[in-house]
Amino acid sequence: MNKLTKREKILLYILAFVIIFAIGFYLFILPAVEHQTDIKTELESARFYKLEMSTKIEVNKELINRIEKTKNEIDDLSSELYQYISNAEIDSIITNILYENNMQPNSLIITVPKTAEDDNGYIQTRYVSVQISGNLNDLLNIFDYISSQKTIRIAAFSMDSTEGEPISISLDFEVFMYAGNELQK
């Protein structure tokens, strides 16, 4: 075997160094760079997720505030309405109004809404049809009283008069009540 010259030895050393460097690069440096890139991607993803969550938290806080405000408004408005009452109580209320105004009830019919559009959930409506007899001044007193109420309104009325007899009157009332607590049970 021939002895290697100094130049050949240097070239072999350089070749060995390049091979060791290439192997080290592929085994250590390249995976570390890829790992760093993956970590940067995960970091950006985590930052985006954090930003998204903080935005959702702010939106949820705003929604919670709106819900509280709406609940307070509902409570304020519902305090002016009857709480959920039975048909017997409605009968009693309407009958008392009529007697206080010197009107004689002949018949009273209470109906409940037939469709969901008529009865939207929290605010319940009952329709009351009454046949009464009395005079015009007493009827006007009932109109005045009902116009000051927020829970009852007159939906329709008709009168029939025969000379010398009390006026025959047909009144249709709408009675509004808050049924929020009843719906939550």
C-alpha atoms as a PDB file:
ATOM      1  CA  MET A   1       0.000   0.000   0.000  1.00  0.00           C
ATOM      2  CA  ASN A   2       1.128   3.442  -0.798  1.00  0.00           C
ATOM      3  CA  LYS A   3       1.686   6.047   1.741  1.00  0.00           C
ATOM      4  CA  LEU A   4      -0.650   8.974   1.507  1.00  0.00           C
ATOM      5  CA  THR A   5       0.806  12.293   0.766  1.00  0.00           C
ATOM      6  CA  LYS A   6       0.268  15.236   2.979  1.00  0.00           C
ATOM      7  CA  ARG A   7      -2.114  16.734   0.467  1.00  0.00           C
ATOM      8  CA  GLU A   8      -4.181  13.540   0.308  1.00  0.00           C
ATOM      9  CA  LYS A   9      -4.301  13.355   4.103  1.00  0.00           C
ATOM     10  CA  ILE A  10      -5.583  16.934   4.261  1.00  0.00           C
ATOM     11  CA  LEU A  11      -8.210  16.145   1.640  1.00  0.00           C
ATOM     12  CA  LEU A  12      -9.257  13.043   3.598  1.00  0.00           C
ATOM     13  CA  TYR A  13      -9.499  15.095   6.789  1.00  0.00           C
ATOM     14  CA  ILE A  14     -11.568  17.703   4.970  1.00  0.00           C
ATOM     15  CA  LEU A  15     -13.777  14.955   3.535  1.00  0.00           C
ATOM     16  CA  ALA A  16     -14.185  13.371   6.986  1.00  0.00           C
ATOM     17  CA  PHE A  17     -15.013  16.782   8.452  1.00  0.00           C
ATOM     18  CA  VAL A  18     -17.607  17.434   5.720  1.00  0.00           C
ATOM     19  CA  ILE A  19     -19.138  13.970   6.253  1.00  0.00           C
ATOM     20  CA  ILE A  20     -19.248  14.458  10.040  1.00  0.00           C
ATOM     21  CA  PHE A  21     -20.704  17.954   9.553  1.00  0.00           C
ATOM     22  CA  ALA A  22     -23.348  16.647   7.111  1.00  0.00           C
ATOM     23  CA  ILE A  23     -24.285  13.771   9.416  1.00  0.00           C
ATOM     24  CA  GLY A  24     -24.438  16.146  12.400  1.00  0.00           C
ATOM     25  CA  PHE A  25     -26.478  18.629  10.395  1.00  0.00           C
ATOM     26  CA  TYR A  26     -29.031  15.980   9.360  1.00  0.00           C
ATOM     27  CA  LEU A  27     -29.116  14.279  12.765  1.00  0.00           C
ATOM     28  CA  PHE A  28     -29.000  17.266  15.116  1.00  0.00           C
ATOM     29  CA  ILE A  29     -29.345  20.689  13.523  1.00  0.00           C
ATOM     30  CA  LEU A  30     -32.094  20.040  10.945  1.00  0.00           C
ATOM     31  CA  PRO A  31     -34.447  18.320  13.455  1.00  0.00           C
ATOM     32  CA  ALA A  32     -33.802  21.124  15.955  1.00  0.00           C
ATOM     33  CA  VAL A  33     -34.704  23.751  13.333  1.00  0.00           C
ATOM     34  CA  GLU A  34     -37.860  21.806  12.381  1.00  0.00           C
ATOM     35  CA  HIS A  35     -38.739  21.455  16.053  1.00  0.00           C
ATOM     36  CA  GLN A  36     -38.226  25.197  16.548  1.00  0.00           C
ATOM     37  CA  THR A  37     -40.472  25.900  13.554  1.00  0.00           C
ATOM     38  CA  ASP A  38     -43.139  23.578  14.995  1.00  0.00           C
ATOM     39  CA  ILE A  39     -42.870  25.323  18.362  1.00  0.00           C
ATOM     40  CA  LYS A  40     -43.209  28.739  16.678  1.00  0.00           C
ATOM     41  CA  THR A  41     -46.303  27.475  14.843  1.00  0.00           C
ATOM     42  CA  GLU A  42     -47.767  26.138  18.104  1.00  0.00           C
ATOM     43  CA  LEU A  43     -46.955  29.439  19.818  1.00  0.00           C
ATOM     44  CA  GLU A  44     -48.725  31.414  17.096  1.00  0.00           C
ATOM     45  CA  SER A  45     -51.662  29.023  17.300  1.00  0.00           C
ATOM     46  CA  ALA A  46     -51.777  29.428  21.090  1.00  0.00           C
ATOM     47  CA  ARG A  47     -51.624  33.233  20.759  1.00  0.00           C
ATOM     48  CA  PHE A  48     -54.462  33.153  18.230  1.00  0.00           C
ATOM     49  CA  TYR A  49     -56.473  30.838  20.504  1.00  0.00           C
ATOM     50  CA  LYS A  50     -55.808  33.150  23.465  1.00  0.00           C
ATOM     51  CA  LEU A  51     -56.965  36.158  21.440  1.00  0.00           C
ATOM     52  CA  GLU A  52     -60.049  34.258  20.281  1.00  0.00           C
ATOM     53  CA  MET A  53     -60.885  33.173  23.838  1.00  0.00           C
ATOM     54  CA  SER A  54     -60.371  36.669  25.252  1.00  0.00           C
ATOM     55  CA  THR A  55     -62.696  38.000  22.553  1.00  0.00           C
ATOM     56  CA  LYS A  56     -65.281  35.340  23.423  1.00  0.00           C
ATOM     57  CA  ILE A  57     -64.931  36.182  27.119  1.00  0.00           C
ATOM     58  CA  GLU A  58     -65.577  39.859  26.389  1.00  0.00           C
ATOM     59  CA  VAL A  59     -68.555  38.982  24.192  1.00  0.00           C
ATOM     60  CA  ASN A  60     -69.901  36.655  26.901  1.00  0.00           C
ATOM     61  CA  LYS A  61     -69.496  39.386  29.527  1.00  0.00           C
ATOM     62  CA  GLU A  62     -71.446  41.741  27.274  1.00  0.00           C
ATOM     63  CA  LEU A  63     -74.129  39.093  26.718  1.00  0.00           C
ATOM     64  CA  ILE A  64     -74.372  38.443  30.458  1.00  0.00           C
ATOM     65  CA  ASN A  65     -74.795  42.186  31.033  1.00  0.00           C
ATOM     66  CA  ARG A  66     -77.498  42.331  28.342  1.00  0.00           C
ATOM     67  CA  ILE A  67     -79.276  39.326  29.854  1.00  0.00           C
ATOM     68  CA  GLU A  68     -79.209  40.909  33.310  1.00  0.00           C
ATOM     69  CA  LYS A  69     -80.462  44.203  31.898  1.00  0.00           C
ATOM     70  CA  THR A  70     -83.243  42.417  30.004  1.00  0.00           C
ATOM     71  CA  LYS A  71     -84.217  40.403  33.092  1.00  0.00           C
ATOM     72  CA  ASN A  72     -84.417  43.627  35.102  1.00  0.00           C
ATOM     73  CA  GLU A  73     -86.557  45.228  32.390  1.00  0.00           C
ATOM     74  CA  ILE A  74     -88.826  42.168  32.349  1.00  0.00           C
ATOM     75  CA  ASP A  75     -89.130  42.298  36.135  1.00  0.00           C
ATOM     76  CA  ASP A  76     -89.935  46.024  36.024  1.00  0.00           C
ATOM     77  CA  LEU A  77     -92.530  45.622  33.289  1.00  0.00           C
ATOM     78  CA  SER A  78     -94.012  42.436  34.714  1.00  0.00           C
ATOM     79  CA  SER A  79     -94.556  44.083  38.085  1.00  0.00           C
ATOM     80  CA  GLU A  80     -97.292  46.119  36.384  1.00  0.00           C
ATOM     81  CA  LEU A  81     -99.052  42.941  35.186  1.00  0.00           C
ATOM     82  CA  TYR A  82    -100.992  40.338  37.095  1.00  0.00           C
ATOM     83  CA  GLN A  83     -98.907  37.357  38.039  1.00  0.00           C
ATOM     84  CA  TYR A  84    -100.278  34.195  36.512  1.00  0.00           C
ATOM     85  CA  ILE A  85    -103.858  33.889  37.786  1.00  0.00           C
ATOM     86  CA  SER A  86    -106.560  31.295  37.300  1.00  0.00           C
ATOM     87  CA  ASN A  87    -109.750  31.747  35.309  1.00  0.00           C
ATOM     88  CA  ALA A  88    -111.720  31.912  38.569  1.00  0.00           C
ATOM     89  CA  GLU A  89    -109.599  34.868  39.703  1.00  0.00           C
ATOM     90  CA  ILE A  90    -110.086  36.562  36.331  1.00  0.00           C
ATOM     91  CA  ASP A  91    -113.829  35.995  36.685  1.00  0.00           C
ATOM     92  CA  SER A  92    -113.732  37.582  40.133  1.00  0.00           C
ATOM     93  CA  ILE A  93    -111.733  40.621  38.939  1.00  0.00           C
ATOM     94  CA  ILE A  94    -114.015  41.328  35.964  1.00  0.00           C
ATOM     95  CA  THR A  95    -117.168  40.744  38.005  1.00  0.00           C
ATOM     96  CA  ASN A  96    -115.956  43.131  40.729  1.00  0.00           C
ATOM     97  CA  ILE A  97    -115.212  45.819  38.135  1.00  0.00           C
ATOM     98  CA  LEU A  98    -118.720  45.444  36.752  1.00  0.00           C
ATOM     99  CA  TYR A  99    -120.429  45.507  40.168  1.00  0.00           C
ATOM    100  CA  GLU A 100    -118.377  48.526  41.301  1.00  0.00           C
ATOM    101  CA  ASN A 101    -119.707  50.374  38.250  1.00  0.00           C
ATOM    102  CA  ASN A 102    -123.343  49.325  38.781  1.00  0.00           C
ATOM    103  CA  MET A 103    -123.407  46.929  35.827  1.00  0.00           C
ATOM    104  CA  GLN A 104    -125.256  43.632  36.027  1.00  0.00           C
ATOM    105  CA  PRO A 105    -123.344  40.728  34.372  1.00  0.00           C
ATOM    106  CA  ASN A 106    -125.600  38.276  32.543  1.00  0.00           C
ATOM    107  CA  SER A 107    -122.908  35.930  31.224  1.00  0.00           C
ATOM    108  CA  LEU A 108    -119.127  35.733  31.348  1.00  0.00           C
ATOM    109  CA  ILE A 109    -116.956  33.488  29.150  1.00  0.00           C
ATOM    110  CA  ILE A 110    -113.169  33.172  29.485  1.00  0.00           C
ATOM    111  CA  THR A 111    -111.156  31.695  26.629  1.00  0.00           C
ATOM    112  CA  VAL A 112    -107.478  30.902  26.296  1.00  0.00           C
ATOM    113  CA  PRO A 113    -105.417  31.530  23.156  1.00  0.00           C
ATOM    114  CA  LYS A 114    -105.658  28.838  20.516  1.00  0.00           C
ATOM    115  CA  THR A 115    -102.323  29.457  18.770  1.00  0.00           C
ATOM    116  CA  ALA A 116     -98.778  30.127  19.866  1.00  0.00           C
ATOM    117  CA  GLU A 117     -98.926  33.533  18.167  1.00  0.00           C
ATOM    118  CA  ASP A 118    -101.740  34.559  20.485  1.00  0.00           C
ATOM    119  CA  ASP A 119     -99.858  33.348  23.541  1.00  0.00           C
ATOM    120  CA  ASN A 120     -96.152  34.140  23.270  1.00  0.00           C
ATOM    121  CA  GLY A 121     -94.845  32.593  26.477  1.00  0.00           C
ATOM    122  CA  TYR A 122     -94.081  35.019  29.268  1.00  0.00           C
ATOM    123  CA  ILE A 123     -97.051  37.294  28.670  1.00  0.00           C
ATOM    124  CA  GLN A 124    -100.257  35.269  28.807  1.00  0.00           C
ATOM    125  CA  THR A 125    -103.542  36.630  27.497  1.00  0.00           C
ATOM    126  CA  ARG A 126    -107.039  35.567  28.430  1.00  0.00           C
ATOM    127  CA  TYR A 127    -110.057  36.706  26.461  1.00  0.00           C
ATOM    128  CA  VAL A 128    -113.187  37.489  28.447  1.00  0.00           C
ATOM    129  CA  SER A 129    -116.578  38.031  26.809  1.00  0.00           C
ATOM    130  CA  VAL A 130    -119.238  39.562  29.041  1.00  0.00           C
ATOM    131  CA  GLN A 131    -122.908  40.276  28.447  1.00  0.00           C
ATOM    132  CA  ILE A 132    -124.068  43.017  30.815  1.00  0.00           C
ATOM    133  CA  SER A 133    -126.961  45.367  31.292  1.00  0.00           C
ATOM    134  CA  GLY A 134    -126.844  48.889  32.671  1.00  0.00           C
ATOM    135  CA  ASN A 135    -126.813  52.515  31.622  1.00  0.00           C
ATOM    136  CA  LEU A 136    -124.496  54.559  29.426  1.00  0.00           C
ATOM    137  CA  ASN A 137    -122.896  56.560  32.276  1.00  0.00           C
ATOM    138  CA  ASP A 138    -121.880  53.366  34.066  1.00  0.00           C
ATOM    139  CA  LEU A 139    -120.430  52.024  30.817  1.00  0.00           C
ATOM    140  CA  LEU A 140    -118.372  55.205  30.421  1.00  0.00           C
ATOM    141  CA  ASN A 141    -117.135  54.781  34.006  1.00  0.00           C
ATOM    142  CA  ILE A 142    -115.977  51.259  33.115  1.00  0.00           C
ATOM    143  CA  PHE A 143    -114.200  52.614  30.029  1.00  0.00           C
ATOM    144  CA  ASP A 144    -112.429  55.229  32.163  1.00  0.00           C
ATOM    145  CA  TYR A 145    -111.388  52.665  34.741  1.00  0.00           C
ATOM    146  CA  ILE A 146    -110.148  50.134  32.159  1.00  0.00           C
ATOM    147  CA  SER A 147    -108.221  52.804  30.237  1.00  0.00           C
ATOM    148  CA  SER A 148    -106.154  53.456  33.378  1.00  0.00           C
ATOM    149  CA  GLN A 149    -105.286  49.749  33.739  1.00  0.00           C
ATOM    150  CA  LYS A 150    -102.268  48.168  32.071  1.00  0.00           C
ATOM    151  CA  THR A 151    -103.425  44.617  32.664  1.00  0.00           C
ATOM    152  CA  ILE A 152    -106.896  44.776  31.159  1.00  0.00           C
ATOM    153  CA  ARG A 153    -108.121  46.342  27.975  1.00  0.00           C
ATOM    154  CA  ILE A 154    -111.374  46.403  26.102  1.00  0.00           C
ATOM    155  CA  ALA A 155    -110.936  44.725  22.741  1.00  0.00           C
ATOM    156  CA  ALA A 156    -114.491  45.255  21.466  1.00  0.00           C
ATOM    157  CA  PHE A 157    -117.961  46.224  22.579  1.00  0.00           C
ATOM    158  CA  SER A 158    -121.442  46.524  21.194  1.00  0.00           C
ATOM    159  CA  MET A 159    -124.675  47.947  22.570  1.00  0.00           C
ATOM    160  CA  ASP A 160    -128.310  47.214  21.990  1.00  0.00           C
ATOM    161  CA  SER A 161    -130.922  49.542  23.371  1.00  0.00           C
ATOM    162  CA  THR A 162    -134.638  49.132  23.803  1.00  0.00           C
ATOM    163  CA  GLU A 163    -136.577  52.172  24.997  1.00  0.00           C
ATOM    164  CA  GLY A 164    -137.425  52.036  28.677  1.00  0.00           C
ATOM    165  CA  GLU A 165    -135.095  49.099  29.443  1.00  0.00           C
ATOM    166  CA  PRO A 166    -131.446  48.978  30.527  1.00  0.00           C
ATOM    167  CA  ILE A 167    -128.914  48.926  27.717  1.00  0.00           C
ATOM    168  CA  SER A 168    -127.723  45.440  26.750  1.00  0.00           C
ATOM    169  CA  ILE A 169    -123.954  45.577  26.292  1.00  0.00           C
ATOM    170  CA  SER A 170    -121.462  43.037  25.019  1.00  0.00           C
ATOM    171  CA  LEU A 171    -117.865  43.678  26.159  1.00  0.00           C
ATOM    172  CA  ASP A 172    -114.765  41.757  25.121  1.00  0.00           C
ATOM    173  CA  PHE A 173    -111.818  42.160  27.493  1.00  0.00           C
ATOM    174  CA  GLU A 174    -108.225  41.068  27.164  1.00  0.00           C
ATOM    175  CA  VAL A 175    -106.525  40.277  30.466  1.00  0.00           C
ATOM    176  CA  PHE A 176    -102.725  40.252  30.386  1.00  0.00           C
ATOM    177  CA  MET A 177    -100.612  38.461  32.949  1.00  0.00           C
ATOM    178  CA  TYR A 178     -96.979  37.603  33.453  1.00  0.00           C
ATOM    179  CA  ALA A 179     -96.390  33.863  33.487  1.00  0.00           C
ATOM    180  CA  GLY A 180     -92.586  33.840  33.623  1.00  0.00           C
ATOM    181  CA  ASN A 181     -92.366  32.066  36.975  1.00  0.00           C
ATOM    182  CA  GLU A 182     -95.024  29.541  35.933  1.00  0.00           C
ATOM    183  CA  LEU A 183     -93.088  28.670  32.763  1.00  0.00           C
ATOM    184  CA  GLN A 184     -89.860  28.074  34.679  1.00  0.00           C
ATOM    185  CA  LYS A 185     -91.411  25.408  36.933  1.00  0.00           C
END
